[in-house]
Amino acid sequence: MEVTLQNLTKKFPGRDKKKHEDVIAVNDFTFEIPDGKLIGLLGPSGCGKSTTLNLISGLLKPTEGRIFFGEEDVTDLPPENRGIGLVFQNYALYPHLTVKQNILFPLENLKGKDKLSKAQMLEKAYEAARLVQIDDLMDRKPGELSGGQQQRVAIARALVKRPKVLLLDEPLSNLDARLRLQTREEIRRIQRETKITTIFVTHDQEEAMSISDMIVVMKEGVVQQIDKPQKVYDDPKNLFVAKFLGTPPVNVFTGQIKDQKLYIGNDCVMEAKGVKDQAVYVGIRPEGFCPRADGTLCCILQGVEVMGRDISVISANEASLNTTVRSIVGTENKADMEKILSMSEGRITNDAVVKFALAPHKVFIFQKETEERIYL
């Protein structure tokens, strides 16, 4: 089912009695969600992603704009008539009912032409349970299950009616790290098998990037960028997007364009042809550093972390806005890496300089005032 959002806006009355200003939770959101795709709504707390999900589900009514499921305008339809499945962060299972009864519950409320026989309901319930691999737990109650198993029950309950659209509101937040990884892989598998259009809300960029066909990055109710996860990582439109995606995070420096060259501090690090002289922010992904004796960016070595295949070089630079500059480098350039490792083994002093060459496609330049990307 294709989902289309047209100029979607949601305002809440402000609590400041003196200013009487509305709080804009979602601001003019327009997007066409393709049929059968998994879309990640990504952003920090308070960015409007859960509000957007609640607007799509019908739990909230938009202040402005329209919502379409295919050709049907569902803006004024109640949630029960939209054909959605909704999974919450806290599972929301009935504790006095068994797993089977929890999954059956949505089917038991069907009326009219949609009403099913008991045999049909049981068949659908077991089909949904097998899909999420809990068909051997049907007689247990939620209190007898782990967090991951409870979340699977919630997903099965949402899927049992074969909804047009599946909505997941931070479904992994209450799980530990291992279960979170396992469950997100399961969600991706289930979505691919069912081909149900799915919208997944999360503040965890790793989750969004690992399972989404496309991600929508939001900030303060405004969409910042929509694209495939790797494209957003490789080609951020502004400083916020660059900083929000990536682990370790992007290294940000204050910089200067002079005579079509980019400077970080006193170091001329690369060409900036066609860009007028101005103060800028410079973002460099951790994997964009290459230690070289003739490198253009000079930093003060603070430490080295060996992580098997890769090495993390921790350094400092006066122009850095991060506490430290973190560079993830491979071991291909053995001579320069051995020099850095030997420096880190002794007592590191302020004259322990490490030089980096920069990979141009991992360097992003942003306007100082607007923080919008400057393309070279």
Protein backbone atom coordinates (compact mmCIF):
# COMPACT_ATOMS: atom_id res chain seq x y z
CA MET A 1 0.00 0.00 0.00
CA GLU A 2 1.42 3.35 -1.05
CA VAL A 3 1.15 6.05 1.65
CA THR A 4 1.16 9.71 0.64
CA LEU A 5 1.56 12.60 3.07
CA GLN A 6 0.62 16.01 1.66
CA ASN A 7 1.76 19.12 3.55
CA LEU A 8 1.15 17.35 6.84
CA THR A 9 1.27 19.73 9.82
CA LYS A 10 0.42 19.21 13.48
CA LYS A 11 0.25 22.04 16.00
CA PHE A 12 -0.35 21.73 19.73
CA PRO A 13 -1.48 24.64 21.93
CA GLY A 14 1.48 26.24 23.70
CA ARG A 15 1.63 26.12 27.49
CA ASP A 16 3.08 29.61 27.80
CA LYS A 17 -0.01 31.68 28.65
CA LYS A 18 1.76 34.96 27.90
CA LYS A 19 2.99 34.19 24.37
CA HIS A 20 0.04 32.02 23.24
CA GLU A 21 2.27 30.40 20.61
CA ASP A 22 1.44 26.99 19.20
CA VAL A 23 4.02 24.22 19.29
CA ILE A 24 4.59 22.86 15.78
CA ALA A 25 5.36 19.15 16.17
CA VAL A 26 5.26 18.34 12.44
CA ASN A 27 5.80 21.10 9.91
CA ASP A 28 4.65 20.77 6.27
CA PHE A 29 5.72 17.13 5.81
CA THR A 30 5.26 15.95 2.21
CA PHE A 31 6.42 12.47 1.22
CA GLU A 32 5.30 9.50 -0.86
CA ILE A 33 6.05 6.16 0.80
CA PRO A 34 6.37 3.46 -1.89
CA ASP A 35 4.31 0.29 -1.70
CA GLY A 36 5.97 -2.58 0.13
CA LYS A 37 8.95 -0.63 1.46
CA LEU A 38 10.29 -0.20 5.00
CA ILE A 39 10.77 3.48 5.86
CA GLY A 40 12.67 4.67 8.94
CA LEU A 41 11.62 7.90 10.64
CA LEU A 42 14.81 8.99 12.39
CA GLY A 43 15.64 11.87 14.69
CA PRO A 44 16.26 12.92 18.31
CA SER A 45 13.55 13.00 20.96
CA GLY A 46 11.00 15.72 20.24
CA CYS A 47 11.69 15.87 16.49
CA GLY A 48 8.13 14.87 15.52
CA LYS A 49 8.65 11.30 14.32
CA SER A 50 6.18 9.67 16.74
CA THR A 51 3.67 12.45 16.09
CA THR A 52 3.96 11.70 12.36
CA LEU A 53 3.31 8.02 13.06
CA ASN A 54 0.27 8.88 15.18
CA LEU A 55 -1.07 11.08 12.38
CA ILE A 56 -0.71 8.23 9.90
CA SER A 57 -2.41 5.81 12.31
CA GLY A 58 -5.31 8.18 13.02
CA LEU A 59 -4.57 8.52 16.73
CA LEU A 60 -4.00 12.24 16.06
CA LYS A 61 -5.77 14.49 13.57
CA PRO A 62 -3.58 16.82 11.49
CA THR A 63 -3.92 20.58 11.83
CA GLU A 64 -3.28 20.85 8.08
CA GLY A 65 -2.60 18.48 5.20
CA ARG A 66 -3.96 15.17 3.94
CA ILE A 67 -3.06 11.48 4.25
CA PHE A 68 -3.72 8.97 1.47
CA PHE A 69 -3.52 5.17 1.51
CA GLY A 70 -3.28 4.45 -2.19
CA GLU A 71 -5.99 6.58 -3.80
CA GLU A 72 -8.11 6.72 -0.63
CA ASP A 73 -8.08 9.85 1.53
CA VAL A 74 -7.94 8.47 5.10
CA THR A 75 -7.34 11.81 6.85
CA ASP A 76 -10.74 11.75 8.58
CA LEU A 77 -11.05 7.97 9.01
CA PRO A 78 -10.81 6.55 12.57
CA PRO A 79 -7.85 4.23 13.26
CA GLU A 80 -9.92 1.04 13.19
CA ASN A 81 -11.04 1.75 9.62
CA ARG A 82 -7.59 2.47 8.17
CA GLY A 83 -6.31 -1.08 7.95
CA ILE A 84 -3.20 -0.48 10.04
CA GLY A 85 -1.18 -2.59 12.44
CA LEU A 86 0.44 -0.68 15.30
CA VAL A 87 3.27 -1.89 17.56
CA PHE A 88 4.23 0.20 20.57
CA GLN A 89 7.47 0.53 22.51
CA ASN A 90 5.98 -1.06 25.66
CA TYR A 91 4.37 -4.10 23.93
CA ALA A 92 0.84 -3.29 25.31
CA LEU A 93 -0.11 -6.98 25.73
CA TYR A 94 -3.03 -8.14 27.86
CA PRO A 95 -1.29 -9.79 30.85
CA HIS A 96 -4.26 -12.05 31.77
CA LEU A 97 -4.50 -13.51 28.26
CA THR A 98 -2.30 -16.17 26.70
CA VAL A 99 -0.14 -15.50 23.66
CA LYS A 100 -2.78 -17.16 21.48
CA GLN A 101 -5.57 -15.05 22.98
CA ASN A 102 -3.54 -11.85 22.54
CA ILE A 103 -2.99 -12.61 18.87
CA LEU A 104 -6.63 -13.62 18.37
CA PHE A 105 -7.99 -10.47 20.00
CA PRO A 106 -8.06 -8.24 16.85
CA LEU A 107 -9.79 -11.01 14.87
CA GLU A 108 -12.48 -11.53 17.52
CA ASN A 109 -13.55 -7.90 17.11
CA LEU A 110 -14.20 -8.19 13.38
CA LYS A 111 -17.84 -7.71 12.42
CA GLY A 112 -20.10 -8.06 9.39
CA LYS A 113 -18.53 -9.40 6.20
CA ASP A 114 -15.08 -9.45 7.83
CA LYS A 115 -16.16 -11.77 10.67
CA LEU A 116 -14.29 -15.10 10.74
CA SER A 117 -15.10 -18.54 12.08
CA LYS A 118 -13.14 -19.89 15.04
CA ALA A 119 -11.21 -22.24 12.76
CA GLN A 120 -10.29 -19.38 10.42
CA MET A 121 -9.17 -17.21 13.33
CA LEU A 122 -6.99 -19.97 14.77
CA GLU A 123 -5.44 -20.62 11.37
CA LYS A 124 -4.55 -16.93 10.97
CA ALA A 125 -3.25 -16.69 14.56
CA TYR A 126 -0.89 -19.65 14.11
CA GLU A 127 0.20 -18.33 10.72
CA ALA A 128 1.18 -15.00 12.33
CA ALA A 129 2.88 -16.81 15.23
CA ARG A 130 4.93 -18.97 12.86
CA LEU A 131 5.97 -15.87 10.95
CA VAL A 132 7.55 -14.38 14.10
CA GLN A 133 8.66 -17.83 15.35
CA ILE A 134 6.62 -18.04 18.57
CA ASP A 135 4.16 -20.79 17.59
CA ASP A 136 5.55 -22.97 20.41
CA LEU A 137 4.68 -20.32 23.03
CA MET A 138 0.96 -19.95 22.32
CA ASP A 139 -0.25 -21.20 25.72
CA ARG A 140 2.04 -18.99 27.80
CA LYS A 141 1.10 -15.64 29.28
CA PRO A 142 3.15 -12.45 28.68
CA GLY A 143 4.68 -12.59 32.17
CA GLU A 144 6.30 -15.93 31.28
CA LEU A 145 8.08 -14.49 28.23
CA SER A 146 11.28 -12.55 27.70
CA GLY A 147 11.17 -8.98 26.39
CA GLY A 148 12.06 -10.10 22.89
CA GLN A 149 9.35 -12.76 22.90
CA GLN A 150 6.76 -10.26 24.13
CA GLN A 151 7.69 -7.91 21.30
CA ARG A 152 7.23 -10.75 18.82
CA VAL A 153 3.75 -11.36 20.21
CA ALA A 154 2.95 -7.66 19.72
CA ILE A 155 4.18 -7.86 16.12
CA ALA A 156 2.14 -11.04 15.48
CA ARG A 157 -0.97 -9.35 16.88
CA ALA A 158 -0.40 -6.39 14.55
CA LEU A 159 0.15 -8.68 11.54
CA VAL A 160 -2.70 -11.13 12.10
CA LYS A 161 -5.23 -8.97 10.20
CA ARG A 162 -2.72 -8.52 7.37
CA PRO A 163 -2.82 -4.71 7.63
CA LYS A 164 -2.29 -2.40 4.69
CA VAL A 165 0.35 -0.50 6.67
CA LEU A 166 2.45 -1.62 9.65
CA LEU A 167 3.51 1.11 12.08
CA LEU A 168 6.32 0.47 14.59
CA ASP A 169 6.91 3.08 17.31
CA GLU A 170 10.42 2.51 18.75
CA PRO A 171 9.69 -1.22 19.15
CA LEU A 172 13.25 -2.13 20.22
CA SER A 173 13.91 0.50 22.89
CA ASN A 174 13.13 -1.77 25.85
CA LEU A 175 15.36 -4.63 24.69
CA ASP A 176 18.99 -5.29 25.58
CA ALA A 177 21.67 -4.93 22.93
CA ARG A 178 21.72 -8.56 21.75
CA LEU A 179 17.92 -8.85 21.61
CA ARG A 180 17.71 -5.52 19.83
CA LEU A 181 20.02 -6.75 17.09
CA GLN A 182 18.18 -10.07 16.78
CA THR A 183 14.71 -8.48 16.76
CA ARG A 184 15.54 -5.84 14.18
CA GLU A 185 16.80 -8.60 11.87
CA GLU A 186 13.51 -10.41 12.45
CA ILE A 187 11.50 -7.27 11.65
CA ARG A 188 13.37 -6.90 8.38
CA ARG A 189 12.82 -10.58 7.51
CA ILE A 190 9.10 -10.38 8.31
CA GLN A 191 8.68 -7.19 6.29
CA ARG A 192 10.36 -8.74 3.26
CA GLU A 193 8.23 -11.87 3.51
CA THR A 194 4.93 -10.05 3.93
CA LYS A 195 5.78 -7.06 1.69
CA ILE A 196 3.63 -4.87 3.95
CA THR A 197 4.44 -1.16 3.76
CA THR A 198 6.15 -0.49 7.10
CA ILE A 199 7.03 2.73 8.90
CA PHE A 200 9.58 2.33 11.69
CA VAL A 201 10.19 5.11 14.23
CA THR A 202 13.55 5.20 16.03
CA HIS A 203 16.13 7.59 17.45
CA ASP A 204 18.85 4.98 16.89
CA GLN A 205 20.59 5.72 13.59
CA GLU A 206 22.21 2.28 13.46
CA GLU A 207 18.78 0.62 13.64
CA ALA A 208 17.36 2.88 10.94
CA MET A 209 20.30 2.43 8.59
CA SER A 210 20.50 -1.34 8.97
CA ILE A 211 16.90 -2.28 8.09
CA SER A 212 15.33 0.65 6.20
CA ASP A 213 14.89 0.93 2.44
CA MET A 214 14.78 4.70 2.94
CA ILE A 215 15.20 6.96 5.95
CA VAL A 216 13.59 10.28 6.80
CA VAL A 217 15.77 12.42 9.08
CA MET A 218 13.75 14.91 11.15
CA LYS A 219 14.60 17.83 13.40
CA GLU A 220 12.11 19.98 15.33
CA GLY A 221 9.23 18.82 13.17
CA VAL A 222 10.97 19.57 9.87
CA VAL A 223 12.22 16.95 7.43
CA GLN A 224 15.95 17.41 6.89
CA GLN A 225 16.66 14.72 4.31
CA ILE A 226 15.00 11.69 2.68
CA ASP A 227 17.00 9.08 0.84
CA LYS A 228 18.52 5.61 0.99
CA PRO A 229 20.50 5.12 4.23
CA GLN A 230 23.94 4.92 2.61
CA LYS A 231 23.18 7.95 0.43
CA VAL A 232 22.25 10.03 3.48
CA TYR A 233 25.45 8.93 5.23
CA ASP A 234 27.66 9.62 2.21
CA ASP A 235 25.94 12.82 1.08
CA PRO A 236 24.39 14.74 4.03
CA LYS A 237 22.51 17.91 3.08
CA ASN A 238 23.37 19.81 6.24
CA LEU A 239 25.50 19.69 9.38
CA PHE A 240 22.70 18.25 11.53
CA VAL A 241 22.31 15.21 9.27
CA ALA A 242 26.08 14.71 9.08
CA LYS A 243 26.36 14.79 12.89
CA PHE A 244 23.32 12.60 13.54
CA LEU A 245 24.42 9.69 11.35
CA GLY A 246 27.58 7.74 11.93
CA THR A 247 29.34 5.77 14.67
CA PRO A 248 31.84 7.09 15.67
CA PRO A 249 30.32 10.49 14.84
CA VAL A 250 31.64 12.83 12.18
CA ASN A 251 34.56 15.03 13.26
CA VAL A 252 33.58 18.71 12.99
CA PHE A 253 36.08 21.57 12.64
CA THR A 254 35.85 25.30 12.16
CA GLY A 255 37.43 26.17 8.83
CA GLN A 256 38.03 28.90 6.30
CA ILE A 257 37.82 29.16 2.53
CA LYS A 258 40.63 31.39 1.22
CA ASP A 259 41.56 31.76 -2.45
CA GLN A 260 39.51 28.64 -3.30
CA LYS A 261 41.38 26.51 -0.77
CA LEU A 262 40.03 24.96 2.43
CA TYR A 263 41.92 25.67 5.65
CA ILE A 264 41.54 24.00 9.02
CA GLY A 265 43.49 26.20 11.38
CA ASN A 266 46.69 27.02 9.53
CA ASP A 267 46.62 23.81 7.50
CA CYS A 268 45.57 23.97 3.85
CA VAL A 269 43.86 20.60 3.56
CA MET A 270 42.29 20.58 0.07
CA GLU A 271 41.10 22.54 -2.95
CA ALA A 272 37.74 24.32 -2.83
CA LYS A 273 37.32 25.49 -6.40
CA GLY A 274 34.41 27.79 -7.10
CA VAL A 275 33.70 28.55 -3.43
CA LYS A 276 33.92 32.16 -2.30
CA ASP A 277 36.00 33.18 0.74
CA GLN A 278 34.09 32.57 3.95
CA ALA A 279 34.14 30.92 7.37
CA VAL A 280 32.78 27.37 7.28
CA TYR A 281 32.26 24.20 9.26
CA VAL A 282 34.13 21.13 8.05
CA GLY A 283 32.88 17.60 8.71
CA ILE A 284 35.24 14.66 8.21
CA ARG A 285 34.07 11.07 8.64
CA PRO A 286 36.38 8.98 10.88
CA GLU A 287 37.27 6.72 7.93
CA GLY A 288 38.30 9.78 5.87
CA PHE A 289 41.73 10.10 7.57
CA CYS A 290 44.86 8.45 6.23
CA PRO A 291 48.09 8.78 8.30
CA ARG A 292 50.88 9.95 6.01
CA ALA A 293 54.18 11.69 6.54
CA ASP A 294 53.20 14.28 3.94
CA GLY A 295 49.60 14.65 5.21
CA THR A 296 48.01 18.10 5.11
CA LEU A 297 46.13 18.04 8.45
CA CYS A 298 48.26 18.13 11.60
CA CYS A 299 46.88 16.87 14.93
CA ILE A 300 48.36 16.12 18.35
CA LEU A 301 48.34 12.40 19.11
CA GLN A 302 46.49 11.46 22.32
CA GLY A 303 46.16 7.72 22.03
CA VAL A 304 45.58 4.65 19.90
CA GLU A 305 42.95 1.93 20.22
CA VAL A 306 43.66 -1.31 18.34
CA MET A 307 40.38 -2.95 17.27
CA GLY A 308 41.53 -5.99 15.32
CA ARG A 309 41.25 -5.14 11.63
CA ASP A 310 41.07 -1.37 12.23
CA ILE A 311 42.90 1.08 14.45
CA SER A 312 41.32 4.11 16.09
CA VAL A 313 43.69 7.06 16.32
CA ILE A 314 42.63 9.62 18.93
CA SER A 315 44.07 13.08 18.53
CA ALA A 316 43.38 16.76 19.18
CA ASN A 317 43.17 19.85 17.00
CA GLU A 318 42.50 23.42 18.12
CA ALA A 319 39.91 23.86 15.36
CA SER A 320 37.96 20.75 16.35
CA LEU A 321 34.47 21.20 17.82
CA ASN A 322 34.58 17.62 19.11
CA THR A 323 36.34 16.85 22.37
CA THR A 324 38.75 14.65 20.43
CA VAL A 325 39.39 13.84 16.78
CA ARG A 326 38.68 10.16 16.20
CA SER A 327 40.10 8.55 13.05
CA ILE A 328 39.41 4.96 11.98
CA VAL A 329 42.31 3.80 9.85
CA GLY A 330 43.31 0.50 8.31
CA THR A 331 46.69 -1.17 8.62
CA GLU A 332 47.65 -0.93 4.93
CA ASN A 333 50.14 1.92 5.38
CA LYS A 334 52.41 -0.06 7.70
CA ALA A 335 55.29 2.40 8.00
CA ASP A 336 53.19 5.35 9.10
CA MET A 337 51.00 3.20 11.36
CA GLU A 338 54.03 1.64 13.06
CA LYS A 339 55.33 5.15 13.74
CA ILE A 340 52.04 6.15 15.35
CA LEU A 341 51.89 2.95 17.39
CA SER A 342 55.44 3.44 18.65
CA MET A 343 54.62 7.04 19.60
CA SER A 344 51.55 5.87 21.55
CA GLU A 345 53.55 3.24 23.48
CA GLY A 346 55.70 5.86 25.18
CA ARG A 347 54.73 8.98 27.11
CA ILE A 348 52.75 11.13 24.67
CA THR A 349 53.74 14.80 24.71
CA ASN A 350 52.33 17.92 23.04
CA ASP A 351 54.83 17.64 20.20
CA ALA A 352 53.61 14.19 19.19
CA VAL A 353 52.22 15.33 15.85
CA VAL A 354 50.37 12.97 13.54
CA LYS A 355 49.66 14.06 9.97
CA PHE A 356 46.66 12.96 7.93
CA ALA A 357 45.82 13.04 4.26
CA LEU A 358 42.06 13.39 3.75
CA ALA A 359 39.77 11.41 1.43
CA PRO A 360 37.88 14.18 -0.43
CA HIS A 361 34.59 12.21 -0.61
CA LYS A 362 34.61 11.93 3.20
CA VAL A 363 35.01 15.70 3.73
CA PHE A 364 31.88 17.89 3.89
CA ILE A 365 31.83 21.69 3.96
CA PHE A 366 28.92 23.62 5.51
CA GLN A 367 27.96 27.27 5.60
CA LYS A 368 28.68 28.82 8.99
CA GLU A 369 25.34 30.62 9.38
CA THR A 370 22.82 28.21 7.84
CA GLU A 371 24.81 24.96 8.33
CA GLU A 372 23.71 23.96 4.83
CA ARG A 373 26.08 21.90 2.67
CA ILE A 374 28.46 23.62 0.25
CA TYR A 375 29.03 21.35 -2.72
CA LEU A 376 32.37 21.39 -4.47
